[in-house]
C-alpha atoms as a PDB file:
ATOM      1  CA  MET A   1     -13.978  26.610  -0.108  1.00  0.00           C
ATOM      2  CA  LYS A   2     -17.356  25.411   1.139  1.00  0.00           C
ATOM      3  CA  GLU A   3     -18.277  23.514   4.298  1.00  0.00           C
ATOM      4  CA  HIS A   4     -20.558  20.504   3.927  1.00  0.00           C
ATOM      5  CA  PHE A   5     -22.314  18.436   6.597  1.00  0.00           C
ATOM      6  CA  LEU A   6     -23.128  14.850   5.660  1.00  0.00           C
ATOM      7  CA  LYS A   7     -25.263  12.912   8.134  1.00  0.00           C
ATOM      8  CA  ALA A   8     -25.579   9.137   7.979  1.00  0.00           C
ATOM      9  CA  THR A   9     -29.154   8.181   7.027  1.00  0.00           C
ATOM     10  CA  CYS A  10     -30.915   5.543   4.950  1.00  0.00           C
ATOM     11  CA  GLU A  11     -30.475   7.872   1.979  1.00  0.00           C
ATOM     12  CA  THR A  12     -26.757   8.621   2.455  1.00  0.00           C
ATOM     13  CA  VAL A  13     -25.187   5.288   3.419  1.00  0.00           C
ATOM     14  CA  HIS A  14     -24.539   2.070   1.531  1.00  0.00           C
ATOM     15  CA  LEU A  15     -23.656  -1.394   2.743  1.00  0.00           C
ATOM     16  CA  GLY A  16     -21.090  -4.004   1.902  1.00  0.00           C
ATOM     17  CA  GLY A  17     -19.351  -2.740  -1.208  1.00  0.00           C
ATOM     18  CA  PHE A  18     -18.467  -0.074  -3.763  1.00  0.00           C
ATOM     19  CA  SER A  19     -19.955   0.669  -7.152  1.00  0.00           C
ATOM     20  CA  ASP A  20     -19.889   3.486  -9.667  1.00  0.00           C
ATOM     21  CA  LYS A  21     -23.609   2.866 -10.154  1.00  0.00           C
ATOM     22  CA  ILE A  22     -24.588   4.233  -6.719  1.00  0.00           C
ATOM     23  CA  PRO A  23     -25.992   7.773  -7.083  1.00  0.00           C
ATOM     24  CA  PRO A  24     -23.840  10.281  -5.196  1.00  0.00           C
ATOM     25  CA  VAL A  25     -25.347  11.698  -2.014  1.00  0.00           C
ATOM     26  CA  LEU A  26     -23.288  14.898  -2.001  1.00  0.00           C
ATOM     27  CA  THR A  27     -21.446  16.928  -4.643  1.00  0.00           C
ATOM     28  CA  VAL A  28     -18.421  19.000  -3.653  1.00  0.00           C
ATOM     29  CA  GLU A  29     -15.565  20.827  -5.315  1.00  0.00           C
ATOM     30  CA  GLY A  30     -11.856  20.393  -4.796  1.00  0.00           C
ATOM     31  CA  GLY A  31     -10.802  22.280  -1.677  1.00  0.00           C
ATOM     32  CA  ASP A  32     -14.146  21.824   0.080  1.00  0.00           C
ATOM     33  CA  ARG A  33     -14.354  20.546   3.647  1.00  0.00           C
ATOM     34  CA  ILE A  34     -16.781  17.777   4.643  1.00  0.00           C
ATOM     35  CA  HIS A  35     -18.030  17.045   8.152  1.00  0.00           C
ATOM     36  CA  ILE A  36     -19.086  13.422   7.921  1.00  0.00           C
ATOM     37  CA  GLU A  37     -20.991  11.022  10.167  1.00  0.00           C
ATOM     38  CA  THR A  38     -20.532   7.242  10.044  1.00  0.00           C
ATOM     39  CA  TYR A  39     -22.078   4.297  11.877  1.00  0.00           C
ATOM     40  CA  THR A  40     -21.015   0.711  12.424  1.00  0.00           C
ATOM     41  CA  GLY A  41     -22.774  -2.431  13.616  1.00  0.00           C
ATOM     42  CA  PHE A  42     -25.422  -2.968  10.932  1.00  0.00           C
ATOM     43  CA  TYR A  43     -25.415  -6.752  11.296  1.00  0.00           C
ATOM     44  CA  LEU A  44     -25.208  -6.616  15.094  1.00  0.00           C
ATOM     45  CA  SER A  45     -28.740  -5.239  15.222  1.00  0.00           C
ATOM     46  CA  LYS A  46     -29.869  -8.875  15.096  1.00  0.00           C
ATOM     47  CA  GLU A  47     -28.204  -9.285  18.496  1.00  0.00           C
ATOM     48  CA  ARG A  48     -29.358  -5.992  19.914  1.00  0.00           C
ATOM     49  CA  ASP A  49     -30.266  -7.562  23.256  1.00  0.00           C
ATOM     50  CA  ARG A  50     -26.558  -8.268  23.857  1.00  0.00           C
ATOM     51  CA  ALA A  51     -25.425  -4.715  23.123  1.00  0.00           C
ATOM     52  CA  PRO A  52     -25.219  -1.780  25.505  1.00  0.00           C
ATOM     53  CA  GLN A  53     -28.072   0.622  24.832  1.00  0.00           C
ATOM     54  CA  ALA A  54     -25.641   3.372  23.836  1.00  0.00           C
ATOM     55  CA  PHE A  55     -24.343   1.310  20.918  1.00  0.00           C
ATOM     56  CA  PHE A  56     -27.621   1.615  18.967  1.00  0.00           C
ATOM     57  CA  PRO A  57     -28.839   5.223  18.846  1.00  0.00           C
ATOM     58  CA  PRO A  58     -32.201   5.684  17.115  1.00  0.00           C
ATOM     59  CA  GLU A  59     -30.539   6.927  13.915  1.00  0.00           C
ATOM     60  CA  LEU A  60     -28.545   3.712  13.538  1.00  0.00           C
ATOM     61  CA  LEU A  61     -31.540   1.521  14.320  1.00  0.00           C
ATOM     62  CA  ASN A  62     -33.516   3.316  11.628  1.00  0.00           C
ATOM     63  CA  ILE A  63     -30.780   2.486   9.114  1.00  0.00           C
ATOM     64  CA  CYS A  64     -30.664  -1.140  10.259  1.00  0.00           C
ATOM     65  CA  HIS A  65     -34.418  -1.555   9.852  1.00  0.00           C
ATOM     66  CA  HIS A  66     -35.081   0.536   6.742  1.00  0.00           C
ATOM     67  CA  LEU A  67     -32.001   0.621   4.532  1.00  0.00           C
ATOM     68  CA  PRO A  68     -33.319   0.274   0.944  1.00  0.00           C
ATOM     69  CA  PRO A  69     -32.281  -2.894  -0.925  1.00  0.00           C
ATOM     70  CA  GLU A  70     -30.642  -0.854  -3.682  1.00  0.00           C
ATOM     71  CA  ARG A  71     -28.152   0.520  -1.144  1.00  0.00           C
ATOM     72  CA  LYS A  72     -26.972  -2.973  -0.188  1.00  0.00           C
ATOM     73  CA  ILE A  73     -24.131  -3.257  -2.653  1.00  0.00           C
ATOM     74  CA  GLY A  74     -21.986  -6.231  -1.684  1.00  0.00           C
ATOM     75  CA  PRO A  75     -21.280  -8.973   0.847  1.00  0.00           C
ATOM     76  CA  GLY A  76     -19.082  -6.950   3.177  1.00  0.00           C
ATOM     77  CA  PRO A  77     -20.187  -5.978   6.712  1.00  0.00           C
ATOM     78  CA  HIS A  78     -19.271  -2.302   6.405  1.00  0.00           C
ATOM     79  CA  LEU A  79     -21.792   0.522   6.538  1.00  0.00           C
ATOM     80  CA  LEU A  80     -20.316   3.428   4.558  1.00  0.00           C
ATOM     81  CA  THR A  81     -21.328   7.048   4.167  1.00  0.00           C
ATOM     82  CA  GLY A  82     -21.337   8.281   0.584  1.00  0.00           C
ATOM     83  CA  PRO A  83     -20.527   8.241  -2.204  1.00  0.00           C
ATOM     84  CA  ILE A  84     -19.389  11.842  -2.545  1.00  0.00           C
ATOM     85  CA  TYR A  85     -18.971  13.273  -6.046  1.00  0.00           C
ATOM     86  CA  ILE A  86     -16.000  15.597  -6.542  1.00  0.00           C
ATOM     87  CA  GLN A  87     -16.550  18.051  -9.373  1.00  0.00           C
ATOM     88  CA  ASN A  88     -14.101  17.756 -12.298  1.00  0.00           C
ATOM     89  CA  ALA A  89     -12.474  14.590 -10.914  1.00  0.00           C
ATOM     90  CA  GLN A  90     -11.563  12.328 -13.825  1.00  0.00           C
ATOM     91  CA  PRO A  91      -9.668   9.049 -14.194  1.00  0.00           C
ATOM     92  CA  GLY A  92      -5.976   9.842 -14.146  1.00  0.00           C
ATOM     93  CA  ASN A  93      -6.365  12.512 -11.452  1.00  0.00           C
ATOM     94  CA  ILE A  94      -5.309  11.963  -7.862  1.00  0.00           C
ATOM     95  CA  LEU A  95      -7.662  12.670  -4.960  1.00  0.00           C
ATOM     96  CA  GLU A  96      -5.997  13.901  -1.794  1.00  0.00           C
ATOM     97  CA  ILE A  97      -7.994  13.361   1.400  1.00  0.00           C
ATOM     98  CA  ARG A  98      -6.832  15.507   4.304  1.00  0.00           C
ATOM     99  CA  LEU A  99      -7.984  13.995   7.581  1.00  0.00           C
ATOM    100  CA  GLU A 100      -8.499  16.917   9.934  1.00  0.00           C
ATOM    101  CA  ARG A 101     -10.582  15.436  12.756  1.00  0.00           C
ATOM    102  CA  ILE A 102     -11.654  11.883  13.662  1.00  0.00           C
ATOM    103  CA  THR A 103     -13.603  11.219  16.868  1.00  0.00           C
ATOM    104  CA  PRO A 104     -15.744   8.349  18.186  1.00  0.00           C
ATOM    105  CA  SER A 105     -19.359   9.429  18.525  1.00  0.00           C
ATOM    106  CA  LEU A 106     -20.429   6.744  21.029  1.00  0.00           C
ATOM    107  CA  PRO A 107     -18.939   5.636  24.373  1.00  0.00           C
ATOM    108  CA  VAL A 108     -18.746   2.002  23.277  1.00  0.00           C
ATOM    109  CA  GLY A 109     -17.296  -0.163  20.535  1.00  0.00           C
ATOM    110  CA  PHE A 110     -17.078  -3.854  19.774  1.00  0.00           C
ATOM    111  CA  ASN A 111     -14.592  -6.529  18.794  1.00  0.00           C
ATOM    112  CA  ALA A 112     -15.673  -9.755  17.127  1.00  0.00           C
ATOM    113  CA  ILE A 113     -13.998 -13.016  16.208  1.00  0.00           C
ATOM    114  CA  ARG A 114     -15.635 -14.442  13.079  1.00  0.00           C
ATOM    115  CA  ALA A 115     -15.548 -18.193  12.515  1.00  0.00           C
ATOM    116  CA  GLY A 116     -13.075 -19.086   9.782  1.00  0.00           C
ATOM    117  CA  TRP A 117     -11.490 -15.621   9.686  1.00  0.00           C
ATOM    118  CA  GLY A 118      -8.535 -13.991  11.373  1.00  0.00           C
ATOM    119  CA  ALA A 119      -4.859 -14.919  11.467  1.00  0.00           C
ATOM    120  CA  LEU A 120      -5.415 -18.106  13.516  1.00  0.00           C
ATOM    121  CA  PRO A 121      -8.820 -19.474  12.473  1.00  0.00           C
ATOM    122  CA  GLN A 122      -7.963 -23.061  13.442  1.00  0.00           C
ATOM    123  CA  GLN A 123      -6.875 -22.137  16.957  1.00  0.00           C
ATOM    124  CA  PHE A 124      -9.824 -19.808  17.582  1.00  0.00           C
ATOM    125  CA  PRO A 125     -12.716 -21.298  15.570  1.00  0.00           C
ATOM    126  CA  ASP A 126     -15.615 -20.076  17.694  1.00  0.00           C
ATOM    127  CA  PRO A 127     -17.285 -16.714  17.081  1.00  0.00           C
ATOM    128  CA  ALA A 128     -17.018 -14.277  19.977  1.00  0.00           C
ATOM    129  CA  LEU A 129     -18.436 -10.798  20.479  1.00  0.00           C
ATOM    130  CA  ARG A 130     -17.166  -8.296  23.040  1.00  0.00           C
ATOM    131  CA  PHE A 131     -18.470  -4.805  23.673  1.00  0.00           C
ATOM    132  CA  ILE A 132     -15.758  -2.442  24.888  1.00  0.00           C
ATOM    133  CA  PRO A 133     -16.441   0.727  26.925  1.00  0.00           C
ATOM    134  CA  LEU A 134     -14.761   3.886  25.656  1.00  0.00           C
ATOM    135  CA  ASP A 135     -13.801   6.705  28.032  1.00  0.00           C
ATOM    136  CA  LEU A 136     -14.009   9.622  25.631  1.00  0.00           C
ATOM    137  CA  ASP A 137     -12.772  12.100  28.251  1.00  0.00           C
ATOM    138  CA  GLN A 138      -9.659  10.107  29.103  1.00  0.00           C
ATOM    139  CA  GLN A 139      -9.324   8.781  25.528  1.00  0.00           C
ATOM    140  CA  THR A 140      -8.937   5.194  26.667  1.00  0.00           C
ATOM    141  CA  ALA A 141     -10.775   1.895  26.203  1.00  0.00           C
ATOM    142  CA  HIS A 142     -11.260  -0.587  29.043  1.00  0.00           C
ATOM    143  CA  PHE A 143     -10.543  -4.180  28.077  1.00  0.00           C
ATOM    144  CA  PRO A 144     -13.644  -6.248  29.035  1.00  0.00           C
ATOM    145  CA  GLY A 145     -13.280  -7.959  32.398  1.00  0.00           C
ATOM    146  CA  HIS A 146      -9.941  -6.283  33.128  1.00  0.00           C
ATOM    147  CA  PRO A 147     -10.596  -2.690  34.258  1.00  0.00           C
ATOM    148  CA  ASP A 148      -6.904  -2.000  34.850  1.00  0.00           C
ATOM    149  CA  LEU A 149      -6.035  -2.879  31.266  1.00  0.00           C
ATOM    150  CA  LYS A 150      -6.523   0.378  29.385  1.00  0.00           C
ATOM    151  CA  ILE A 151      -5.978   0.862  25.667  1.00  0.00           C
ATOM    152  CA  PRO A 152      -5.204   4.379  24.363  1.00  0.00           C
ATOM    153  CA  LEU A 153      -7.673   5.527  21.739  1.00  0.00           C
ATOM    154  CA  GLN A 154      -6.153   6.210  18.332  1.00  0.00           C
ATOM    155  CA  PRO A 155      -9.215   6.725  16.128  1.00  0.00           C
ATOM    156  CA  PHE A 156      -9.148   6.368  12.358  1.00  0.00           C
ATOM    157  CA  PHE A 157     -11.387   5.342   9.467  1.00  0.00           C
ATOM    158  CA  GLY A 158     -10.630   1.797   8.336  1.00  0.00           C
ATOM    159  CA  ILE A 159     -12.217   2.550   4.960  1.00  0.00           C
ATOM    160  CA  LEU A 160     -11.479   5.514   2.705  1.00  0.00           C
ATOM    161  CA  ALA A 161     -12.289   4.606  -0.886  1.00  0.00           C
ATOM    162  CA  VAL A 162     -12.943   5.908  -4.345  1.00  0.00           C
ATOM    163  CA  ALA A 163     -15.171   3.767  -6.548  1.00  0.00           C
ATOM    164  CA  PRO A 164     -13.399   1.120  -8.647  1.00  0.00           C
ATOM    165  CA  PRO A 165     -14.342   0.948 -12.362  1.00  0.00           C
ATOM    166  CA  SER A 166     -15.938  -2.470 -12.401  1.00  0.00           C
ATOM    167  CA  GLU A 167     -18.840  -4.518 -11.208  1.00  0.00           C
ATOM    168  CA  PRO A 168     -19.800  -3.968  -7.555  1.00  0.00           C
ATOM    169  CA  HIS A 169     -16.758  -4.653  -5.381  1.00  0.00           C
ATOM    170  CA  SER A 170     -16.954  -6.118  -1.880  1.00  0.00           C
ATOM    171  CA  SER A 171     -15.953  -3.756   0.905  1.00  0.00           C
ATOM    172  CA  ILE A 172     -13.710  -6.409   2.489  1.00  0.00           C
ATOM    173  CA  PRO A 173     -10.508  -6.503   0.366  1.00  0.00           C
ATOM    174  CA  PRO A 174      -8.567  -3.256  -0.153  1.00  0.00           C
ATOM    175  CA  GLY A 175      -6.911  -2.270  -3.419  1.00  0.00           C
ATOM    176  CA  THR A 176      -5.401   0.594  -5.356  1.00  0.00           C
ATOM    177  CA  PHE A 177      -8.726   2.430  -4.947  1.00  0.00           C
ATOM    178  CA  GLY A 178      -8.223   2.391  -1.152  1.00  0.00           C
ATOM    179  CA  GLY A 179     -11.130   0.674   0.520  1.00  0.00           C
ATOM    180  CA  ASN A 180     -10.675  -1.430   3.622  1.00  0.00           C
ATOM    181  CA  ILE A 181      -7.063  -0.350   4.173  1.00  0.00           C
ATOM    182  CA  ASP A 182      -7.218  -0.649   7.983  1.00  0.00           C
ATOM    183  CA  ASN A 183      -4.027   1.394   8.358  1.00  0.00           C
ATOM    184  CA  ARG A 184      -3.778   2.698  11.922  1.00  0.00           C
ATOM    185  CA  GLU A 185      -1.395   5.472  10.794  1.00  0.00           C
ATOM    186  CA  LEU A 186      -4.230   7.299   9.002  1.00  0.00           C
ATOM    187  CA  GLN A 187      -5.288   9.302  12.022  1.00  0.00           C
ATOM    188  CA  ALA A 188      -6.153  13.015  12.182  1.00  0.00           C
ATOM    189  CA  GLY A 189      -3.357  15.003  10.598  1.00  0.00           C
ATOM    190  CA  ALA A 190      -2.672  12.442   7.865  1.00  0.00           C
ATOM    191  CA  ARG A 191      -3.142  12.856   4.127  1.00  0.00           C
ATOM    192  CA  LEU A 192      -4.137   9.994   1.811  1.00  0.00           C
ATOM    193  CA  PHE A 193      -3.666  10.069  -1.973  1.00  0.00           C
ATOM    194  CA  LEU A 194      -5.860   7.782  -4.100  1.00  0.00           C
ATOM    195  CA  PRO A 195      -6.126   7.406  -7.889  1.00  0.00           C
ATOM    196  CA  VAL A 196      -9.442   8.585  -9.325  1.00  0.00           C
ATOM    197  CA  GLN A 197     -10.864   5.687 -11.333  1.00  0.00           C
ATOM    198  CA  VAL A 198     -14.335   6.902 -12.347  1.00  0.00           C
ATOM    199  CA  PRO A 199     -15.725  10.378 -13.066  1.00  0.00           C
ATOM    200  CA  GLY A 200     -16.393  12.240  -9.830  1.00  0.00           C
ATOM    201  CA  ALA A 201     -14.181   9.829  -7.828  1.00  0.00           C
ATOM    202  CA  LEU A 202     -17.190   8.766  -5.676  1.00  0.00           C
ATOM    203  CA  LEU A 203     -15.604   8.843  -2.236  1.00  0.00           C
ATOM    204  CA  SER A 204     -16.996   6.654   0.564  1.00  0.00           C
ATOM    205  CA  VAL A 205     -15.947   6.680   4.232  1.00  0.00           C
ATOM    206  CA  GLY A 206     -16.589   4.392   7.198  1.00  0.00           C
ATOM    207  CA  ASP A 207     -15.398   1.465   9.311  1.00  0.00           C
ATOM    208  CA  GLY A 208     -14.488   3.585  12.317  1.00  0.00           C
ATOM    209  CA  HIS A 209     -11.793   2.140  14.568  1.00  0.00           C
ATOM    210  CA  ALA A 210     -11.193   3.567  18.035  1.00  0.00           C
ATOM    211  CA  ALA A 211      -7.951   1.559  18.328  1.00  0.00           C
ATOM    212  CA  GLN A 212      -6.233  -1.199  16.395  1.00  0.00           C
ATOM    213  CA  GLY A 213      -2.909  -3.002  16.396  1.00  0.00           C
ATOM    214  CA  ASP A 214      -0.929  -3.509  13.196  1.00  0.00           C
ATOM    215  CA  GLY A 215      -2.208  -6.694  11.581  1.00  0.00           C
ATOM    216  CA  GLU A 216      -5.754  -6.511  13.021  1.00  0.00           C
ATOM    217  CA  VAL A 217      -5.118 -10.187  13.700  1.00  0.00           C
ATOM    218  CA  ASN A 218      -8.486 -11.403  15.034  1.00  0.00           C
ATOM    219  CA  VAL A 219     -10.345  -9.695  12.116  1.00  0.00           C
ATOM    220  CA  THR A 220     -11.681  -6.607  13.923  1.00  0.00           C
ATOM    221  CA  ALA A 221     -10.391  -3.602  15.831  1.00  0.00           C
ATOM    222  CA  ILE A 222     -12.421  -1.639  18.388  1.00  0.00           C
ATOM    223  CA  GLU A 223     -15.185  -0.980  15.884  1.00  0.00           C
ATOM    224  CA  THR A 224     -17.309   2.047  16.634  1.00  0.00           C
ATOM    225  CA  SER A 225     -19.353   4.817  15.060  1.00  0.00           C
ATOM    226  CA  MET A 226     -17.129   7.712  14.100  1.00  0.00           C
ATOM    227  CA  ASN A 227     -17.451  11.337  13.026  1.00  0.00           C
ATOM    228  CA  GLY A 228     -14.814  13.203  11.118  1.00  0.00           C
ATOM    229  CA  THR A 229     -13.819  16.275   9.166  1.00  0.00           C
ATOM    230  CA  LEU A 230     -11.912  15.930   5.926  1.00  0.00           C
ATOM    231  CA  GLN A 231     -10.881  18.143   3.051  1.00  0.00           C
ATOM    232  CA  VAL A 232     -10.648  16.928  -0.541  1.00  0.00           C
ATOM    233  CA  ILE A 233      -8.001  18.245  -2.948  1.00  0.00           C
ATOM    234  CA  LEU A 234      -7.808  17.310  -6.618  1.00  0.00           C
ATOM    235  CA  HIS A 235      -4.410  16.915  -8.325  1.00  0.00           C
ATOM    236  CA  GLN A 236      -4.153  16.944 -12.123  1.00  0.00           C
ATOM    237  CA  ASN A 237      -0.474  15.988 -12.288  1.00  0.00           C
ATOM    238  CA  PHE A 238       0.859  13.909  -9.420  1.00  0.00           C
ATOM    239  CA  PRO A 239       4.464  12.711  -9.628  1.00  0.00           C
ATOM    240  CA  LEU A 240       4.431   9.884  -7.094  1.00  0.00           C
ATOM    241  CA  PRO A 241       2.999   6.325  -7.041  1.00  0.00           C
ATOM    242  CA  VAL A 242      -0.337   5.856  -5.317  1.00  0.00           C
ATOM    243  CA  PRO A 243      -1.927   4.909  -3.010  1.00  0.00           C
ATOM    244  CA  LEU A 244       0.356   7.005  -0.831  1.00  0.00           C
ATOM    245  CA  ALA A 245      -0.051   8.692   2.526  1.00  0.00           C
ATOM    246  CA  GLN A 246       1.723  11.251   4.654  1.00  0.00           C
ATOM    247  CA  THR A 247       1.457  11.707   8.406  1.00  0.00           C
ATOM    248  CA  PRO A 248       3.056  14.547  10.386  1.00  0.00           C
ATOM    249  CA  THR A 249       6.148  12.338  10.791  1.00  0.00           C
ATOM    250  CA  ASP A 250       6.312   9.849   7.899  1.00  0.00           C
ATOM    251  CA  LEU A 251       5.723   9.074   4.263  1.00  0.00           C
ATOM    252  CA  ILE A 252       3.731   5.868   3.808  1.00  0.00           C
ATOM    253  CA  THR A 253       3.657   3.537   0.824  1.00  0.00           C
ATOM    254  CA  MET A 254       1.260   0.598   0.604  1.00  0.00           C
ATOM    255  CA  GLY A 255       1.124  -2.852  -0.901  1.00  0.00           C
ATOM    256  CA  PHE A 256      -1.918  -5.137  -1.223  1.00  0.00           C
ATOM    257  CA  ALA A 257      -1.606  -8.721  -2.434  1.00  0.00           C
ATOM    258  CA  SER A 258      -2.626 -12.285  -1.693  1.00  0.00           C
ATOM    259  CA  THR A 259       0.594 -12.877   0.260  1.00  0.00           C
ATOM    260  CA  LEU A 260       2.588 -10.738   2.647  1.00  0.00           C
ATOM    261  CA  ASP A 261       5.697 -11.295   0.518  1.00  0.00           C
ATOM    262  CA  GLU A 262       4.017  -9.778  -2.535  1.00  0.00           C
ATOM    263  CA  ALA A 263       2.516  -6.929  -0.502  1.00  0.00           C
ATOM    264  CA  LEU A 264       5.947  -6.133   0.954  1.00  0.00           C
ATOM    265  CA  GLU A 265       7.505  -6.076  -2.512  1.00  0.00           C
ATOM    266  CA  GLN A 266       4.849  -3.623  -3.704  1.00  0.00           C
ATOM    267  CA  ALA A 267       5.294  -1.300  -0.722  1.00  0.00           C
ATOM    268  CA  LEU A 268       9.086  -1.456  -1.068  1.00  0.00           C
ATOM    269  CA  GLU A 269       9.104  -0.815  -4.810  1.00  0.00           C
ATOM    270  CA  GLN A 270       6.828   2.181  -4.316  1.00  0.00           C
ATOM    271  CA  MET A 271       9.048   3.492  -1.511  1.00  0.00           C
ATOM    272  CA  ILE A 272      12.083   3.268  -3.802  1.00  0.00           C
ATOM    273  CA  GLN A 273      10.224   5.284  -6.468  1.00  0.00           C
ATOM    274  CA  VAL A 274       9.237   7.913  -3.899  1.00  0.00           C
ATOM    275  CA  LEU A 275      12.782   8.257  -2.566  1.00  0.00           C
ATOM    276  CA  VAL A 276      14.261   8.492  -6.054  1.00  0.00           C
ATOM    277  CA  TYR A 277      11.878  11.362  -6.826  1.00  0.00           C
ATOM    278  CA  CYS A 278      12.271  13.157  -3.490  1.00  0.00           C
ATOM    279  CA  THR A 279      16.029  12.840  -3.051  1.00  0.00           C
ATOM    280  CA  GLY A 280      17.601  12.338  -6.483  1.00  0.00           C
ATOM    281  CA  LEU A 281      19.119   9.028  -5.393  1.00  0.00           C
ATOM    282  CA  THR A 282      19.581   6.195  -7.860  1.00  0.00           C
ATOM    283  CA  PRO A 283      17.201   3.247  -7.409  1.00  0.00           C
ATOM    284  CA  GLU A 284      20.032   1.199  -5.923  1.00  0.00           C
ATOM    285  CA  GLU A 285      20.872   3.957  -3.446  1.00  0.00           C
ATOM    286  CA  ALA A 286      17.189   4.253  -2.511  1.00  0.00           C
ATOM    287  CA  TYR A 287      17.029   0.486  -1.991  1.00  0.00           C
ATOM    288  CA  VAL A 288      19.971   0.717   0.406  1.00  0.00           C
ATOM    289  CA  LEU A 289      18.378   3.682   2.196  1.00  0.00           C
ATOM    290  CA  CYS A 290      15.182   1.673   2.688  1.00  0.00           C
ATOM    291  CA  SER A 291      17.207  -1.043   4.384  1.00  0.00           C
ATOM    292  CA  LEU A 292      18.797   1.539   6.686  1.00  0.00           C
ATOM    293  CA  ALA A 293      15.924   3.862   7.538  1.00  0.00           C
ATOM    294  CA  ALA A 294      12.505   2.662   6.332  1.00  0.00           C
ATOM    295  CA  SER A 295      10.176   0.497   8.419  1.00  0.00           C
ATOM    296  CA  PHE A 296       7.801  -2.008   6.824  1.00  0.00           C
ATOM    297  CA  ARG A 297       4.843  -3.149   8.883  1.00  0.00           C
ATOM    298  CA  ILE A 298       1.946  -5.531   8.481  1.00  0.00           C
ATOM    299  CA  THR A 299      -1.168  -3.430   7.922  1.00  0.00           C
ATOM    300  CA  GLN A 300      -3.642  -6.305   8.106  1.00  0.00           C
ATOM    301  CA  VAL A 301      -3.756 -10.027   7.398  1.00  0.00           C
ATOM    302  CA  VAL A 302      -7.505 -10.610   7.582  1.00  0.00           C
ATOM    303  CA  ASN A 303      -9.223  -8.809   4.683  1.00  0.00           C
ATOM    304  CA  ARG A 304      -8.912 -11.739   2.327  1.00  0.00           C
ATOM    305  CA  PRO A 305      -7.971 -12.248  -0.334  1.00  0.00           C
ATOM    306  CA  GLN A 306      -5.780  -9.162   0.134  1.00  0.00           C
ATOM    307  CA  LYS A 307      -3.154  -8.776   2.845  1.00  0.00           C
ATOM    308  CA  GLY A 308      -1.527  -5.409   3.421  1.00  0.00           C
ATOM    309  CA  VAL A 309       1.971  -4.079   4.162  1.00  0.00           C
ATOM    310  CA  HIS A 310       2.880  -0.427   4.584  1.00  0.00           C
ATOM    311  CA  GLY A 311       6.270   1.225   4.580  1.00  0.00           C
ATOM    312  CA  LEU A 312       7.176   4.294   6.621  1.00  0.00           C
ATOM    313  CA  PHE A 313      10.032   6.701   5.906  1.00  0.00           C
ATOM    314  CA  PRO A 314      10.774   9.640   8.260  1.00  0.00           C
ATOM    315  CA  LEU A 315       9.924  13.002   6.712  1.00  0.00           C
ATOM    316  CA  LYS A 316      12.737  14.661   8.653  1.00  0.00           C
ATOM    317  CA  MET A 317      15.246  12.709   6.548  1.00  0.00           C
ATOM    318  CA  LEU A 318      14.075  14.262   3.268  1.00  0.00           C
ATOM    319  CA  PRO A 319      16.399  17.217   2.497  1.00  0.00           C
ATOM    320  CA  GLN A 320      13.761  19.090   0.487  1.00  0.00           C
ATOM    321  CA  GLY A 321      10.751  17.825   2.433  1.00  0.00           C
ATOM    322  CA  PHE A 322       7.648  16.232   0.914  1.00  0.00           C
ATOM    323  CA  PRO A 323       7.083  17.739  -2.568  1.00  0.00           C
ATOM    324  CA  VAL A 324       3.264  17.774  -2.528  1.00  0.00           C
END
């Protein structure tokens, strides 16, 4: 196992989308550990005078001013570090991403309402930008204008993605390749399993969130620059449906579709498959068990055209544990 350090620079980040045509910025082998740096706020540099000075370190400003045109891939707002090439990864394999450490790198984040976006665009049509102080010692955020209203930090990467096998894909909607999942359960200690779709997998990481509620209803979380440590594991034969995740307490299935009903059906059908494999139940018995013990939550409703639902099932209820 090797240790790799990947800084975010004009040469190692890309903006707005995913593509298998982007040259990889790092090559690793299965089992290697990667210490990765990410930044957020590329488009906010136009409003730098409104931002706290700490939000724009010199390294981020250099990216904002000098990112090469060929690294602007799609229309999304996300600045992503990567892609990372995993040796011997081929379509049909499964890439496991073990999230070992995720920490905000700056003492400030932002939340923004975008006109026409969010769960209630008609009721809140005006854009609004708030910068939110982060107390990294106390691991809390202070809601702007209300110092007694403190939000516990629960940092995670909103985007963990392998490259899809198609034309450049916007970084906004998630899919089977991962992408803008925005699942708050994927904190340090979680494992995410994604299907490799192009040679080398081409993993990209970013969209750091210091805290987020399920649904991400106004279109953003507490967005902030984030550093992390992750390990990549390659599986040749993987018996379970993907994308799939595991936290220290739960198994997580995921559904992405244009409606919440369809996304729920996907997450539920995948949970039934997982329980059949892990417990030996019949599909009908697994369906009943989901109704008794699984929880299905809205992941996000704002990354159109895809909404997300995730299902959680307690690991402690699996007699043989998680098989992977």
